[in-house]
Amino acid sequence: MFGFQVTVTKRDGTEGTYDLDLDSLCEFEEIAKVGVPVAFSEQNLKLQHLALLGWIAEKNAGNTVKPVNQWRKDVVKVDIADSPVPTSAVE
C-alpha cells in the first residue's frame, strides 16, 4: 500500500474502503492517460478521475463491479484518505 485509501459510498448507504496498491495506481494511469500526481493536483482534479480511481480500487479488491459508467450511477461519494493533496468528490 502507498498510504492511500479510497472510500466509496453507494446510494443504498453501503460504504467500502479499499487500499490503493501499485497495480491499482498503474491501471488508473493506463486508462486515464495521465499520471496520478498530475491527475490529482488542484488545477487538474476531475470528478471522472476520482470516480475511476474508486472503481479500480473496488474492482481490484475482488468485488464484482459494473462497467465504470454504470457503476458511477450507484455511487454518491468517493473520498481519498491520507492523500498528500486532500481530495473528495460528491456527485
N, C-alpha and C. Protein backbone atom coordinates (compact mmCIF):
# COMPACT_ATOMS: atom_id res chain seq x y z
N MET A 1 0.84 -1.18 0.00
CA MET A 1 0.00 0.00 0.00
C MET A 1 0.88 1.24 0.00
N PHE A 2 0.39 2.28 -0.62
CA PHE A 2 1.13 3.52 -0.74
C PHE A 2 0.65 4.59 0.23
N GLY A 3 -0.14 4.23 1.22
CA GLY A 3 -0.67 5.19 2.16
C GLY A 3 -1.94 5.86 1.69
N PHE A 4 -2.52 5.34 0.63
CA PHE A 4 -3.76 5.88 0.10
C PHE A 4 -4.87 4.86 0.26
N GLN A 5 -6.04 5.34 0.59
CA GLN A 5 -7.23 4.51 0.61
C GLN A 5 -8.36 5.29 -0.04
N VAL A 6 -9.24 4.57 -0.68
CA VAL A 6 -10.42 5.17 -1.29
C VAL A 6 -11.64 4.63 -0.55
N THR A 7 -12.54 5.52 -0.18
CA THR A 7 -13.80 5.12 0.41
C THR A 7 -14.91 5.46 -0.58
N VAL A 8 -15.68 4.45 -0.93
CA VAL A 8 -16.78 4.59 -1.88
C VAL A 8 -18.09 4.44 -1.13
N THR A 9 -18.97 5.43 -1.27
CA THR A 9 -20.29 5.39 -0.65
C THR A 9 -21.33 5.24 -1.75
N LYS A 10 -22.17 4.22 -1.61
CA LYS A 10 -23.20 3.92 -2.62
C LYS A 10 -24.53 4.57 -2.23
N ARG A 11 -25.41 4.67 -3.20
CA ARG A 11 -26.74 5.26 -2.99
C ARG A 11 -27.55 4.52 -1.93
N ASP A 12 -27.32 3.22 -1.80
CA ASP A 12 -28.07 2.44 -0.81
C ASP A 12 -27.50 2.59 0.60
N GLY A 13 -26.45 3.43 0.75
CA GLY A 13 -25.86 3.68 2.06
C GLY A 13 -24.67 2.81 2.41
N THR A 14 -24.42 1.78 1.60
CA THR A 14 -23.26 0.94 1.88
C THR A 14 -21.98 1.70 1.57
N GLU A 15 -20.94 1.34 2.28
CA GLU A 15 -19.67 2.03 2.13
C GLU A 15 -18.55 0.99 2.16
N GLY A 16 -17.54 1.20 1.34
CA GLY A 16 -16.38 0.32 1.34
C GLY A 16 -15.11 1.15 1.25
N THR A 17 -14.11 0.73 2.00
CA THR A 17 -12.81 1.40 1.96
C THR A 17 -11.80 0.42 1.39
N TYR A 18 -11.04 0.87 0.41
CA TYR A 18 -10.14 0.00 -0.33
C TYR A 18 -8.75 0.61 -0.38
N ASP A 19 -7.72 -0.23 -0.17
CA ASP A 19 -6.34 0.20 -0.30
C ASP A 19 -6.00 0.38 -1.77
N LEU A 20 -5.19 1.37 -2.05
CA LEU A 20 -4.69 1.59 -3.41
C LEU A 20 -3.28 1.03 -3.49
N ASP A 21 -3.13 -0.06 -4.22
CA ASP A 21 -1.82 -0.66 -4.39
C ASP A 21 -1.21 -0.20 -5.72
N LEU A 22 0.00 -0.64 -5.96
CA LEU A 22 0.71 -0.25 -7.18
C LEU A 22 -0.08 -0.62 -8.43
N ASP A 23 -0.67 -1.81 -8.44
CA ASP A 23 -1.43 -2.24 -9.61
C ASP A 23 -2.61 -1.30 -9.88
N SER A 24 -3.31 -0.91 -8.83
CA SER A 24 -4.46 -0.02 -8.99
C SER A 24 -4.03 1.34 -9.53
N LEU A 25 -2.94 1.88 -9.00
CA LEU A 25 -2.47 3.19 -9.45
C LEU A 25 -1.97 3.14 -10.89
N CYS A 26 -1.27 2.07 -11.24
CA CYS A 26 -0.81 1.92 -12.63
C CYS A 26 -1.98 1.75 -13.58
N GLU A 27 -2.98 0.97 -13.18
CA GLU A 27 -4.16 0.79 -14.02
C GLU A 27 -4.86 2.13 -14.24
N PHE A 28 -4.95 2.95 -13.20
CA PHE A 28 -5.54 4.28 -13.34
C PHE A 28 -4.78 5.08 -14.40
N GLU A 29 -3.45 5.09 -14.30
CA GLU A 29 -2.64 5.86 -15.25
C GLU A 29 -2.80 5.36 -16.68
N GLU A 30 -2.92 4.04 -16.84
CA GLU A 30 -3.10 3.47 -18.18
C GLU A 30 -4.44 3.89 -18.79
N ILE A 31 -5.49 3.85 -18.00
CA ILE A 31 -6.83 4.18 -18.51
C ILE A 31 -6.99 5.68 -18.69
N ALA A 32 -6.56 6.45 -17.68
CA ALA A 32 -6.78 7.91 -17.71
C ALA A 32 -5.77 8.63 -18.61
N LYS A 33 -4.69 7.95 -18.96
CA LYS A 33 -3.66 8.55 -19.81
C LYS A 33 -3.02 9.78 -19.16
N VAL A 34 -2.93 9.75 -17.82
CA VAL A 34 -2.29 10.82 -17.07
C VAL A 34 -1.76 10.23 -15.77
N GLY A 35 -0.65 10.75 -15.29
CA GLY A 35 -0.06 10.28 -14.05
C GLY A 35 -0.91 10.67 -12.85
N VAL A 36 -0.85 9.86 -11.80
CA VAL A 36 -1.62 10.12 -10.60
C VAL A 36 -1.30 11.50 -10.00
N PRO A 37 0.00 11.89 -9.85
CA PRO A 37 0.28 13.21 -9.26
C PRO A 37 -0.33 14.37 -10.07
N VAL A 38 -0.30 14.26 -11.38
CA VAL A 38 -0.88 15.31 -12.23
C VAL A 38 -2.41 15.28 -12.13
N ALA A 39 -3.00 14.09 -12.21
CA ALA A 39 -4.46 13.97 -12.21
C ALA A 39 -5.08 14.52 -10.93
N PHE A 40 -4.36 14.41 -9.81
CA PHE A 40 -4.94 14.82 -8.54
C PHE A 40 -4.35 16.10 -7.98
N SER A 41 -3.69 16.87 -8.85
CA SER A 41 -3.26 18.20 -8.42
C SER A 41 -4.48 19.11 -8.44
N GLU A 42 -4.45 20.16 -7.64
CA GLU A 42 -5.62 21.04 -7.52
C GLU A 42 -6.09 21.58 -8.87
N GLN A 43 -5.15 21.94 -9.75
CA GLN A 43 -5.55 22.55 -11.02
C GLN A 43 -6.07 21.53 -12.03
N ASN A 44 -5.83 20.25 -11.83
CA ASN A 44 -6.24 19.24 -12.81
C ASN A 44 -7.30 18.26 -12.31
N LEU A 45 -7.73 18.39 -11.07
CA LEU A 45 -8.65 17.42 -10.49
C LEU A 45 -9.97 17.38 -11.27
N LYS A 46 -10.34 16.17 -11.67
CA LYS A 46 -11.62 15.95 -12.36
C LYS A 46 -12.40 14.89 -11.60
N LEU A 47 -13.69 15.06 -11.53
CA LEU A 47 -14.53 14.07 -10.86
C LEU A 47 -14.41 12.70 -11.53
N GLN A 48 -14.27 12.69 -12.85
CA GLN A 48 -14.15 11.40 -13.54
C GLN A 48 -12.89 10.66 -13.11
N HIS A 49 -11.82 11.38 -12.77
CA HIS A 49 -10.60 10.73 -12.29
C HIS A 49 -10.83 10.11 -10.92
N LEU A 50 -11.51 10.84 -10.06
CA LEU A 50 -11.78 10.34 -8.71
C LEU A 50 -12.70 9.11 -8.79
N ALA A 51 -13.72 9.18 -9.63
CA ALA A 51 -14.62 8.04 -9.80
C ALA A 51 -13.88 6.84 -10.37
N LEU A 52 -13.03 7.06 -11.36
CA LEU A 52 -12.26 5.97 -11.96
C LEU A 52 -11.37 5.30 -10.93
N LEU A 53 -10.73 6.08 -10.09
CA LEU A 53 -9.86 5.50 -9.07
C LEU A 53 -10.67 4.67 -8.08
N GLY A 54 -11.85 5.16 -7.70
CA GLY A 54 -12.72 4.39 -6.80
C GLY A 54 -13.17 3.08 -7.42
N TRP A 55 -13.54 3.13 -8.70
CA TRP A 55 -13.97 1.93 -9.42
C TRP A 55 -12.84 0.90 -9.50
N ILE A 56 -11.65 1.36 -9.86
CA ILE A 56 -10.50 0.46 -9.96
C ILE A 56 -10.19 -0.17 -8.61
N ALA A 57 -10.19 0.64 -7.56
CA ALA A 57 -9.87 0.14 -6.22
C ALA A 57 -10.88 -0.92 -5.77
N GLU A 58 -12.16 -0.64 -6.01
CA GLU A 58 -13.19 -1.62 -5.61
C GLU A 58 -13.06 -2.90 -6.43
N LYS A 59 -12.84 -2.76 -7.72
CA LYS A 59 -12.67 -3.93 -8.60
C LYS A 59 -11.46 -4.76 -8.20
N ASN A 60 -10.33 -4.10 -7.96
CA ASN A 60 -9.11 -4.81 -7.63
C ASN A 60 -9.12 -5.40 -6.22
N ALA A 61 -10.08 -4.97 -5.40
CA ALA A 61 -10.25 -5.56 -4.07
C ALA A 61 -11.01 -6.89 -4.16
N GLY A 62 -11.45 -7.23 -5.38
CA GLY A 62 -12.11 -8.51 -5.59
C GLY A 62 -13.62 -8.43 -5.68
N ASN A 63 -14.17 -7.23 -5.62
CA ASN A 63 -15.62 -7.08 -5.74
C ASN A 63 -16.04 -7.14 -7.20
N THR A 64 -17.24 -7.64 -7.42
CA THR A 64 -17.81 -7.62 -8.76
C THR A 64 -18.39 -6.23 -8.98
N VAL A 65 -17.93 -5.57 -10.03
CA VAL A 65 -18.40 -4.21 -10.31
C VAL A 65 -18.94 -4.14 -11.73
N LYS A 66 -19.88 -3.24 -11.92
CA LYS A 66 -20.42 -2.97 -13.25
C LYS A 66 -19.37 -2.19 -14.04
N PRO A 67 -19.54 -2.07 -15.35
CA PRO A 67 -18.66 -1.18 -16.11
C PRO A 67 -18.70 0.21 -15.47
N VAL A 68 -17.58 0.92 -15.55
CA VAL A 68 -17.42 2.17 -14.79
C VAL A 68 -18.56 3.17 -15.01
N ASN A 69 -19.04 3.32 -16.22
CA ASN A 69 -20.12 4.29 -16.48
C ASN A 69 -21.42 3.91 -15.79
N GLN A 70 -21.66 2.62 -15.61
CA GLN A 70 -22.84 2.16 -14.88
C GLN A 70 -22.59 2.19 -13.38
N TRP A 71 -21.38 1.83 -12.97
CA TRP A 71 -21.00 1.83 -11.55
C TRP A 71 -21.21 3.21 -10.94
N ARG A 72 -20.82 4.27 -11.69
CA ARG A 72 -20.93 5.64 -11.18
C ARG A 72 -22.36 6.01 -10.81
N LYS A 73 -23.34 5.43 -11.49
CA LYS A 73 -24.74 5.75 -11.21
C LYS A 73 -25.18 5.27 -9.83
N ASP A 74 -24.48 4.30 -9.26
CA ASP A 74 -24.80 3.77 -7.94
C ASP A 74 -23.99 4.42 -6.83
N VAL A 75 -23.10 5.35 -7.18
CA VAL A 75 -22.17 5.95 -6.22
C VAL A 75 -22.57 7.40 -5.94
N VAL A 76 -22.55 7.77 -4.67
CA VAL A 76 -22.84 9.16 -4.30
C VAL A 76 -21.61 9.92 -3.84
N LYS A 77 -20.56 9.18 -3.44
CA LYS A 77 -19.39 9.86 -2.89
C LYS A 77 -18.17 8.98 -3.00
N VAL A 78 -17.04 9.60 -3.35
CA VAL A 78 -15.74 8.93 -3.35
C VAL A 78 -14.76 9.84 -2.62
N ASP A 79 -14.08 9.30 -1.62
CA ASP A 79 -13.10 10.06 -0.86
C ASP A 79 -11.75 9.35 -0.93
N ILE A 80 -10.69 10.15 -0.95
CA ILE A 80 -9.34 9.60 -0.84
C ILE A 80 -8.80 10.02 0.52
N ALA A 81 -8.35 9.05 1.31
CA ALA A 81 -7.79 9.33 2.63
C ALA A 81 -6.27 9.25 2.58
N ASP A 82 -5.63 10.00 3.46
CA ASP A 82 -4.18 10.02 3.59
C ASP A 82 -3.49 10.43 2.30
N SER A 83 -4.12 11.33 1.57
CA SER A 83 -3.56 11.81 0.32
C SER A 83 -2.75 13.06 0.57
N PRO A 84 -1.63 13.24 -0.15
CA PRO A 84 -0.87 14.46 0.01
C PRO A 84 -1.66 15.70 -0.42
N VAL A 85 -2.60 15.53 -1.32
CA VAL A 85 -3.49 16.61 -1.72
C VAL A 85 -4.89 16.16 -1.31
N PRO A 86 -5.51 16.78 -0.28
CA PRO A 86 -6.83 16.34 0.14
C PRO A 86 -7.81 16.43 -1.02
N THR A 87 -8.48 15.32 -1.30
CA THR A 87 -9.43 15.30 -2.40
C THR A 87 -10.69 14.58 -1.95
N SER A 88 -11.80 15.09 -2.38
CA SER A 88 -13.09 14.49 -2.12
C SER A 88 -14.04 14.95 -3.21
N ALA A 89 -14.97 14.11 -3.56
CA ALA A 89 -15.95 14.50 -4.57
C ALA A 89 -17.28 13.92 -4.19
N VAL A 90 -18.28 14.70 -4.37
CA VAL A 90 -19.65 14.26 -4.17
C VAL A 90 -20.38 14.53 -5.47
N GLU A 91 -21.01 13.51 -6.03
CA GLU A 91 -21.75 13.69 -7.28
C GLU A 91 -23.06 14.37 -7.02
